[in-house]
Each structure stands twice: as structure tokens, then as C-alpha cells.
Amino acid sequence: MDSFSSPSSGSSPKLSTDDIMEQLRTQLAQAYAEEFLETVRGKCFEKCITKPGSSLSGSESSCISRCIDRYIEATGIIGKALFSQR
């Protein structure tokens, strides 16, 4: 059982709100990193790797780099827009 689903008992420490929030932040950061890697693999590699082989060509490498840069830029813009509405 994890700390969220374990029953309360005298021997287990009680988590503070700050501890729970920190755990949530860590889990969200991990989920974001996994989503980013999945997007890069699923979209950028599929778009940019035209002839799979043992190494990347210069154009494939440049394409992947640009694709990753655009994804980072887009997620930053979306994040700013979402947080500025609050």
C-alpha cells in the first residue's frame, strides 16, 4: 500500500498537507516527463526518422531537435495560458 491508501494507525506517521502536496508535485513532474518522452518518441521520431539505421543523418538530427524545441515551446505557452487564467 502507498501512503495515500494505508490505514491510519498509531505506528504510521501522519502526513502533513505540505508532504502530500510535495508527493503530488513529484508525481505530476514524473507524469509530465513520461508524457514528454512519449510525445518525442511517438511524434518526433515518427516524423523525422525516414530511414531507420544505426545512426541519424544530419537532417534527421536537425528535424528531431526542431521538433523537441517546438514541443517545449508549445507546452510552455499552454502552461502560461492556463496559469494566467487563475
PDB file of N, CA and C in Angstrom:
ATOM      1  N   MET A   1       0.836  -1.196   0.000  1.00  0.00           N
ATOM      2  CA  MET A   1       0.000   0.000   0.000  1.00  0.00           C
ATOM      3  C   MET A   1       0.872   1.248   0.000  1.00  0.00           C
ATOM      4  N   ASP A   2       0.413   2.282  -0.649  1.00  0.00           N
ATOM      5  CA  ASP A   2       1.163   3.533  -0.614  1.00  0.00           C
ATOM      6  C   ASP A   2       0.676   4.392   0.540  1.00  0.00           C
ATOM      7  N   SER A   3       1.292   5.542   0.721  1.00  0.00           N
ATOM      8  CA  SER A   3       0.968   6.387   1.865  1.00  0.00           C
ATOM      9  C   SER A   3      -0.436   6.978   1.793  1.00  0.00           C
ATOM     10  N   PHE A   4      -1.042   7.004   0.595  1.00  0.00           N
ATOM     11  CA  PHE A   4      -2.376   7.553   0.471  1.00  0.00           C
ATOM     12  C   PHE A   4      -3.450   6.542   0.848  1.00  0.00           C
ATOM     13  N   SER A   5      -3.179   5.258   0.648  1.00  0.00           N
ATOM     14  CA  SER A   5      -4.213   4.258   0.875  1.00  0.00           C
ATOM     15  C   SER A   5      -3.999   3.445   2.136  1.00  0.00           C
ATOM     16  N   SER A   6      -2.908   3.644   2.842  1.00  0.00           N
ATOM     17  CA  SER A   6      -2.676   2.864   4.042  1.00  0.00           C
ATOM     18  C   SER A   6      -3.575   3.361   5.167  1.00  0.00           C
ATOM     19  N   PRO A   7      -4.084   2.436   5.950  1.00  0.00           N
ATOM     20  CA  PRO A   7      -4.972   2.842   7.043  1.00  0.00           C
ATOM     21  C   PRO A   7      -4.194   3.561   8.122  1.00  0.00           C
ATOM     22  N   SER A   8      -4.876   4.433   8.848  1.00  0.00           N
ATOM     23  CA  SER A   8      -4.241   5.171   9.933  1.00  0.00           C
ATOM     24  C   SER A   8      -4.035   4.232  11.101  1.00  0.00           C
ATOM     25  N   SER A   9      -2.856   4.304  11.681  1.00  0.00           N
ATOM     26  CA  SER A   9      -2.579   3.535  12.877  1.00  0.00           C
ATOM     27  C   SER A   9      -1.613   4.337  13.714  1.00  0.00           C
ATOM     28  N   GLY A  10      -1.472   3.942  14.959  1.00  0.00           N
ATOM     29  CA  GLY A  10      -0.598   4.662  15.858  1.00  0.00           C
ATOM     30  C   GLY A  10       0.856   4.594  15.451  1.00  0.00           C
ATOM     31  N   SER A  11       1.247   3.574  14.679  1.00  0.00           N
ATOM     32  CA  SER A  11       2.659   3.415  14.334  1.00  0.00           C
ATOM     33  C   SER A  11       3.047   4.128  13.045  1.00  0.00           C
ATOM     34  N   SER A  12       2.098   4.420  12.168  1.00  0.00           N
ATOM     35  CA  SER A  12       2.450   5.076  10.908  1.00  0.00           C
ATOM     36  C   SER A  12       2.372   6.591  11.082  1.00  0.00           C
ATOM     37  N   PRO A  13       3.359   7.302  10.516  1.00  0.00           N
ATOM     38  CA  PRO A  13       3.349   8.763  10.659  1.00  0.00           C
ATOM     39  C   PRO A  13       2.224   9.387   9.834  1.00  0.00           C
ATOM     40  N   LYS A  14       1.652  10.445  10.360  1.00  0.00           N
ATOM     41  CA  LYS A  14       0.597  11.162   9.647  1.00  0.00           C
ATOM     42  C   LYS A  14       1.260  12.182   8.728  1.00  0.00           C
ATOM     43  N   LEU A  15       0.831  12.205   7.478  1.00  0.00           N
ATOM     44  CA  LEU A  15       1.392  13.128   6.508  1.00  0.00           C
ATOM     45  C   LEU A  15       0.749  14.494   6.649  1.00  0.00           C
ATOM     46  N   SER A  16       1.580  15.514   6.584  1.00  0.00           N
ATOM     47  CA  SER A  16       1.058  16.871   6.615  1.00  0.00           C
ATOM     48  C   SER A  16       0.557  17.246   5.227  1.00  0.00           C
ATOM     49  N   THR A  17      -0.184  18.317   5.162  1.00  0.00           N
ATOM     50  CA  THR A  17      -0.669  18.808   3.872  1.00  0.00           C
ATOM     51  C   THR A  17       0.505  19.131   2.954  1.00  0.00           C
ATOM     52  N   ASP A  18       1.568  19.712   3.507  1.00  0.00           N
ATOM     53  CA  ASP A  18       2.753  20.030   2.705  1.00  0.00           C
ATOM     54  C   ASP A  18       3.403  18.764   2.151  1.00  0.00           C
ATOM     55  N   ASP A  19       3.453  17.699   2.956  1.00  0.00           N
ATOM     56  CA  ASP A  19       4.028  16.440   2.496  1.00  0.00           C
ATOM     57  C   ASP A  19       3.208  15.856   1.351  1.00  0.00           C
ATOM     58  N   ILE A  20       1.893  15.899   1.495  1.00  0.00           N
ATOM     59  CA  ILE A  20       1.009  15.375   0.451  1.00  0.00           C
ATOM     60  C   ILE A  20       1.158  16.202  -0.822  1.00  0.00           C
ATOM     61  N   MET A  21       1.204  17.518  -0.687  1.00  0.00           N
ATOM     62  CA  MET A  21       1.368  18.387  -1.859  1.00  0.00           C
ATOM     63  C   MET A  21       2.700  18.112  -2.554  1.00  0.00           C
ATOM     64  N   GLU A  22       3.751  17.891  -1.791  1.00  0.00           N
ATOM     65  CA  GLU A  22       5.057  17.597  -2.380  1.00  0.00           C
ATOM     66  C   GLU A  22       5.028  16.263  -3.127  1.00  0.00           C
ATOM     67  N   GLN A  23       4.353  15.266  -2.569  1.00  0.00           N
ATOM     68  CA  GLN A  23       4.210  13.987  -3.257  1.00  0.00           C
ATOM     69  C   GLN A  23       3.443  14.162  -4.567  1.00  0.00           C
ATOM     70  N   LEU A  24       2.388  14.971  -4.535  1.00  0.00           N
ATOM     71  CA  LEU A  24       1.612  15.223  -5.755  1.00  0.00           C
ATOM     72  C   LEU A  24       2.447  15.944  -6.802  1.00  0.00           C
ATOM     73  N   ARG A  25       3.228  16.948  -6.366  1.00  0.00           N
ATOM     74  CA  ARG A  25       4.109  17.656  -7.307  1.00  0.00           C
ATOM     75  C   ARG A  25       5.098  16.697  -7.952  1.00  0.00           C
ATOM     76  N   THR A  26       5.670  15.809  -7.154  1.00  0.00           N
ATOM     77  CA  THR A  26       6.638  14.842  -7.669  1.00  0.00           C
ATOM     78  C   THR A  26       5.969  13.909  -8.678  1.00  0.00           C
ATOM     79  N   GLN A  27       4.772  13.439  -8.358  1.00  0.00           N
ATOM     80  CA  GLN A  27       4.062  12.552  -9.271  1.00  0.00           C
ATOM     81  C   GLN A  27       3.670  13.265 -10.557  1.00  0.00           C
ATOM     82  N   LEU A  28       3.257  14.526 -10.455  1.00  0.00           N
ATOM     83  CA  LEU A  28       2.917  15.294 -11.654  1.00  0.00           C
ATOM     84  C   LEU A  28       4.146  15.537 -12.524  1.00  0.00           C
ATOM     85  N   ALA A  29       5.277  15.835 -11.903  1.00  0.00           N
ATOM     86  CA  ALA A  29       6.515  16.042 -12.661  1.00  0.00           C
ATOM     87  C   ALA A  29       6.913  14.767 -13.389  1.00  0.00           C
ATOM     88  N   GLN A  30       6.768  13.631 -12.717  1.00  0.00           N
ATOM     89  CA  GLN A  30       7.091  12.357 -13.345  1.00  0.00           C
ATOM     90  C   GLN A  30       6.143  12.075 -14.509  1.00  0.00           C
ATOM     91  N   ALA A  31       4.869  12.336 -14.321  1.00  0.00           N
ATOM     92  CA  ALA A  31       3.888  12.121 -15.389  1.00  0.00           C
ATOM     93  C   ALA A  31       4.186  13.030 -16.578  1.00  0.00           C
ATOM     94  N   TYR A  32       4.564  14.282 -16.321  1.00  0.00           N
ATOM     95  CA  TYR A  32       4.903  15.208 -17.400  1.00  0.00           C
ATOM     96  C   TYR A  32       6.121  14.703 -18.169  1.00  0.00           C
ATOM     97  N   ALA A  33       7.134  14.239 -17.451  1.00  0.00           N
ATOM     98  CA  ALA A  33       8.344  13.724 -18.105  1.00  0.00           C
ATOM     99  C   ALA A  33       8.010  12.512 -18.966  1.00  0.00           C
ATOM    100  N   GLU A  34       7.164  11.625 -18.467  1.00  0.00           N
ATOM    101  CA  GLU A  34       6.773  10.451 -19.250  1.00  0.00           C
ATOM    102  C   GLU A  34       5.987  10.854 -20.488  1.00  0.00           C
ATOM    103  N   GLU A  35       5.087  11.819 -20.346  1.00  0.00           N
ATOM    104  CA  GLU A  35       4.314  12.298 -21.497  1.00  0.00           C
ATOM    105  C   GLU A  35       5.235  12.932 -22.537  1.00  0.00           C
ATOM    106  N   PHE A  36       6.195  13.723 -22.068  1.00  0.00           N
ATOM    107  CA  PHE A  36       7.142  14.365 -22.974  1.00  0.00           C
ATOM    108  C   PHE A  36       7.914  13.321 -23.772  1.00  0.00           C
ATOM    109  N   LEU A  37       8.446  12.304 -23.090  1.00  0.00           N
ATOM    110  CA  LEU A  37       9.207  11.264 -23.783  1.00  0.00           C
ATOM    111  C   LEU A  37       8.339  10.491 -24.765  1.00  0.00           C
ATOM    112  N   GLU A  38       7.102  10.221 -24.382  1.00  0.00           N
ATOM    113  CA  GLU A  38       6.188   9.520 -25.278  1.00  0.00           C
ATOM    114  C   GLU A  38       5.890  10.361 -26.520  1.00  0.00           C
ATOM    115  N   THR A  39       5.697  11.650 -26.342  1.00  0.00           N
ATOM    116  CA  THR A  39       5.427  12.540 -27.467  1.00  0.00           C
ATOM    117  C   THR A  39       6.626  12.608 -28.403  1.00  0.00           C
ATOM    118  N   VAL A  40       7.801  12.777 -27.816  1.00  0.00           N
ATOM    119  CA  VAL A  40       9.008  12.842 -28.640  1.00  0.00           C
ATOM    120  C   VAL A  40       9.183  11.548 -29.430  1.00  0.00           C
ATOM    121  N   ARG A  41       9.021  10.434 -28.731  1.00  0.00           N
ATOM    122  CA  ARG A  41       9.194   9.155 -29.411  1.00  0.00           C
ATOM    123  C   ARG A  41       8.114   8.945 -30.456  1.00  0.00           C
ATOM    124  N   GLY A  42       6.878   9.196 -30.082  1.00  0.00           N
ATOM    125  CA  GLY A  42       5.761   8.900 -30.965  1.00  0.00           C
ATOM    126  C   GLY A  42       5.607   9.847 -32.133  1.00  0.00           C
ATOM    127  N   LYS A  43       5.894  11.106 -31.900  1.00  0.00           N
ATOM    128  CA  LYS A  43       5.658  12.095 -32.954  1.00  0.00           C
ATOM    129  C   LYS A  43       6.937  12.524 -33.653  1.00  0.00           C
ATOM    130  N   CYS A  44       7.901  12.961 -32.881  1.00  0.00           N
ATOM    131  CA  CYS A  44       9.116  13.492 -33.494  1.00  0.00           C
ATOM    132  C   CYS A  44       9.905  12.413 -34.220  1.00  0.00           C
ATOM    133  N   PHE A  45      10.104  11.271 -33.595  1.00  0.00           N
ATOM    134  CA  PHE A  45      10.849  10.213 -34.262  1.00  0.00           C
ATOM    135  C   PHE A  45      10.101   9.721 -35.494  1.00  0.00           C
ATOM    136  N   GLU A  46       8.795   9.542 -35.358  1.00  0.00           N
ATOM    137  CA  GLU A  46       8.000   9.064 -36.491  1.00  0.00           C
ATOM    138  C   GLU A  46       8.063  10.047 -37.657  1.00  0.00           C
ATOM    139  N   LYS A  47       8.025  11.327 -37.331  1.00  0.00           N
ATOM    140  CA  LYS A  47       8.061  12.358 -38.365  1.00  0.00           C
ATOM    141  C   LYS A  47       9.443  12.490 -38.993  1.00  0.00           C
ATOM    142  N   CYS A  48      10.479  12.360 -38.165  1.00  0.00           N
ATOM    143  CA  CYS A  48      11.824  12.732 -38.608  1.00  0.00           C
ATOM    144  C   CYS A  48      12.694  11.576 -39.089  1.00  0.00           C
ATOM    145  N   ILE A  49      12.462  10.393 -38.604  1.00  0.00           N
ATOM    146  CA  ILE A  49      13.311   9.264 -38.976  1.00  0.00           C
ATOM    147  C   ILE A  49      12.706   8.590 -40.199  1.00  0.00           C
ATOM    148  N   THR A  50      13.280   8.872 -41.337  1.00  0.00           N
ATOM    149  CA  THR A  50      12.732   8.339 -42.583  1.00  0.00           C
ATOM    150  C   THR A  50      13.342   6.987 -42.957  1.00  0.00           C
ATOM    151  N   LYS A  51      14.607   6.791 -42.606  1.00  0.00           N
ATOM    152  CA  LYS A  51      15.288   5.535 -42.902  1.00  0.00           C
ATOM    153  C   LYS A  51      15.987   5.049 -41.628  1.00  0.00           C
ATOM    154  N   PRO A  52      15.302   4.220 -40.816  1.00  0.00           N
ATOM    155  CA  PRO A  52      15.935   3.744 -39.591  1.00  0.00           C
ATOM    156  C   PRO A  52      17.262   3.043 -39.887  1.00  0.00           C
ATOM    157  N   GLY A  53      18.233   3.315 -39.075  1.00  0.00           N
ATOM    158  CA  GLY A  53      19.549   2.715 -39.247  1.00  0.00           C
ATOM    159  C   GLY A  53      20.328   2.802 -37.955  1.00  0.00           C
ATOM    160  N   SER A  54      21.627   2.617 -38.050  1.00  0.00           N
ATOM    161  CA  SER A  54      22.472   2.594 -36.857  1.00  0.00           C
ATOM    162  C   SER A  54      22.839   4.001 -36.377  1.00  0.00           C
ATOM    163  N   SER A  55      22.591   5.013 -37.205  1.00  0.00           N
ATOM    164  CA  SER A  55      22.879   6.386 -36.793  1.00  0.00           C
ATOM    165  C   SER A  55      21.906   7.332 -37.503  1.00  0.00           C
ATOM    166  N   LEU A  56      21.843   8.562 -36.981  1.00  0.00           N
ATOM    167  CA  LEU A  56      20.965   9.571 -37.571  1.00  0.00           C
ATOM    168  C   LEU A  56      21.715  10.357 -38.628  1.00  0.00           C
ATOM    169  N   SER A  57      21.008  10.706 -39.686  1.00  0.00           N
ATOM    170  CA  SER A  57      21.598  11.607 -40.666  1.00  0.00           C
ATOM    171  C   SER A  57      21.534  13.020 -40.091  1.00  0.00           C
ATOM    172  N   GLY A  58      22.235  13.949 -40.723  1.00  0.00           N
ATOM    173  CA  GLY A  58      22.210  15.335 -40.275  1.00  0.00           C
ATOM    174  C   GLY A  58      20.824  15.936 -40.321  1.00  0.00           C
ATOM    175  N   SER A  59      20.078  15.638 -41.370  1.00  0.00           N
ATOM    176  CA  SER A  59      18.723  16.196 -41.488  1.00  0.00           C
ATOM    177  C   SER A  59      17.784  15.570 -40.456  1.00  0.00           C
ATOM    178  N   GLU A  60      17.951  14.284 -40.175  1.00  0.00           N
ATOM    179  CA  GLU A  60      17.123  13.648 -39.150  1.00  0.00           C
ATOM    180  C   GLU A  60      17.412  14.239 -37.771  1.00  0.00           C
ATOM    181  N   SER A  61      18.676  14.434 -37.483  1.00  0.00           N
ATOM    182  CA  SER A  61      19.078  15.015 -36.200  1.00  0.00           C
ATOM    183  C   SER A  61      18.525  16.432 -36.042  1.00  0.00           C
ATOM    184  N   SER A  62      18.620  17.234 -37.094  1.00  0.00           N
ATOM    185  CA  SER A  62      18.090  18.598 -37.061  1.00  0.00           C
ATOM    186  C   SER A  62      16.574  18.600 -36.895  1.00  0.00           C
ATOM    187  N   CYS A  63      15.906  17.694 -37.589  1.00  0.00           N
ATOM    188  CA  CYS A  63      14.447  17.596 -37.513  1.00  0.00           C
ATOM    189  C   CYS A  63      14.017  17.249 -36.095  1.00  0.00           C
ATOM    190  N   ILE A  64      14.672  16.283 -35.474  1.00  0.00           N
ATOM    191  CA  ILE A  64      14.329  15.893 -34.102  1.00  0.00           C
ATOM    192  C   ILE A  64      14.559  17.061 -33.154  1.00  0.00           C
ATOM    193  N   SER A  65      15.677  17.745 -33.316  1.00  0.00           N
ATOM    194  CA  SER A  65      15.991  18.884 -32.458  1.00  0.00           C
ATOM    195  C   SER A  65      14.928  19.970 -32.576  1.00  0.00           C
ATOM    196  N   ARG A  66      14.539  20.300 -33.801  1.00  0.00           N
ATOM    197  CA  ARG A  66      13.493  21.315 -34.007  1.00  0.00           C
ATOM    198  C   ARG A  66      12.150  20.855 -33.439  1.00  0.00           C
ATOM    199  N   CYS A  67      11.823  19.594 -33.633  1.00  0.00           N
ATOM    200  CA  CYS A  67      10.560  19.049 -33.135  1.00  0.00           C
ATOM    201  C   CYS A  67      10.504  19.147 -31.613  1.00  0.00           C
ATOM    202  N   ILE A  68      11.575  18.757 -30.944  1.00  0.00           N
ATOM    203  CA  ILE A  68      11.631  18.834 -29.483  1.00  0.00           C
ATOM    204  C   ILE A  68      11.531  20.288 -29.027  1.00  0.00           C
ATOM    205  N   ASP A  69      12.265  21.180 -29.682  1.00  0.00           N
ATOM    206  CA  ASP A  69      12.204  22.604 -29.336  1.00  0.00           C
ATOM    207  C   ASP A  69      10.790  23.150 -29.462  1.00  0.00           C
ATOM    208  N   ARG A  70      10.086  22.797 -30.531  1.00  0.00           N
ATOM    209  CA  ARG A  70       8.716  23.278 -30.727  1.00  0.00           C
ATOM    210  C   ARG A  70       7.779  22.721 -29.661  1.00  0.00           C
ATOM    211  N   TYR A  71       7.963  21.455 -29.294  1.00  0.00           N
ATOM    212  CA  TYR A  71       7.122  20.860 -28.268  1.00  0.00           C
ATOM    213  C   TYR A  71       7.340  21.557 -26.926  1.00  0.00           C
ATOM    214  N   ILE A  72       8.588  21.813 -26.573  1.00  0.00           N
ATOM    215  CA  ILE A  72       8.885  22.520 -25.324  1.00  0.00           C
ATOM    216  C   ILE A  72       8.278  23.915 -25.348  1.00  0.00           C
ATOM    217  N   GLU A  73       8.423  24.608 -26.465  1.00  0.00           N
ATOM    218  CA  GLU A  73       7.856  25.956 -26.604  1.00  0.00           C
ATOM    219  C   GLU A  73       6.334  25.924 -26.474  1.00  0.00           C
ATOM    220  N   ALA A  74       5.699  24.974 -27.141  1.00  0.00           N
ATOM    221  CA  ALA A  74       4.240  24.872 -27.108  1.00  0.00           C
ATOM    222  C   ALA A  74       3.735  24.553 -25.704  1.00  0.00           C
ATOM    223  N   THR A  75       4.383  23.631 -25.011  1.00  0.00           N
ATOM    224  CA  THR A  75       3.931  23.305 -23.661  1.00  0.00           C
ATOM    225  C   THR A  75       4.140  24.486 -22.714  1.00  0.00           C
ATOM    226  N   GLY A  76       5.180  25.279 -22.937  1.00  0.00           N
ATOM    227  CA  GLY A  76       5.389  26.482 -22.131  1.00  0.00           C
ATOM    228  C   GLY A  76       4.296  27.510 -22.353  1.00  0.00           C
ATOM    229  N   ILE A  77       3.914  27.716 -23.590  1.00  0.00           N
ATOM    230  CA  ILE A  77       2.843  28.669 -23.924  1.00  0.00           C
ATOM    231  C   ILE A  77       1.519  28.207 -23.317  1.00  0.00           C
ATOM    232  N   ILE A  78       1.232  26.920 -23.437  1.00  0.00           N
ATOM    233  CA  ILE A  78      -0.009  26.382 -22.885  1.00  0.00           C
ATOM    234  C   ILE A  78      -0.016  26.524 -21.370  1.00  0.00           C
ATOM    235  N   GLY A  79       1.112  26.195 -20.748  1.00  0.00           N
ATOM    236  CA  GLY A  79       1.213  26.305 -19.288  1.00  0.00           C
ATOM    237  C   GLY A  79       1.005  27.727 -18.816  1.00  0.00           C
ATOM    238  N   LYS A  80       1.626  28.689 -19.491  1.00  0.00           N
ATOM    239  CA  LYS A  80       1.453  30.098 -19.114  1.00  0.00           C
ATOM    240  C   LYS A  80       0.008  30.531 -19.280  1.00  0.00           C
ATOM    241  N   ALA A  81      -0.621  30.105 -20.366  1.00  0.00           N
ATOM    242  CA  ALA A  81      -2.020  30.474 -20.600  1.00  0.00           C
ATOM    243  C   ALA A  81      -2.936  29.879 -19.528  1.00  0.00           C
ATOM    244  N   LEU A  82      -2.693  28.641 -19.156  1.00  0.00           N
ATOM    245  CA  LEU A  82      -3.526  28.003 -18.136  1.00  0.00           C
ATOM    246  C   LEU A  82      -3.351  28.676 -16.781  1.00  0.00           C
ATOM    247  N   PHE A  83      -2.111  28.974 -16.392  1.00  0.00           N
ATOM    248  CA  PHE A  83      -1.872  29.539 -15.079  1.00  0.00           C
ATOM    249  C   PHE A  83      -2.203  31.025 -14.996  1.00  0.00           C
ATOM    250  N   SER A  84      -2.235  31.724 -16.120  1.00  0.00           N
ATOM    251  CA  SER A  84      -2.586  33.143 -16.082  1.00  0.00           C
ATOM    252  C   SER A  84      -4.099  33.345 -15.946  1.00  0.00           C
ATOM    253  N   GLN A  85      -4.888  32.321 -16.225  1.00  0.00           N
ATOM    254  CA  GLN A  85      -6.340  32.412 -16.105  1.00  0.00           C
ATOM    255  C   GLN A  85      -6.805  32.290 -14.667  1.00  0.00           C
ATOM    256  N   ARG A  86      -5.942  31.867 -13.783  1.00  0.00           N
ATOM    257  CA  ARG A  86      -6.339  31.665 -12.367  1.00  0.00           C
ATOM    258  C   ARG A  86      -6.355  32.940 -11.605  1.00  0.00           C
TER     259      ARG A  86
END
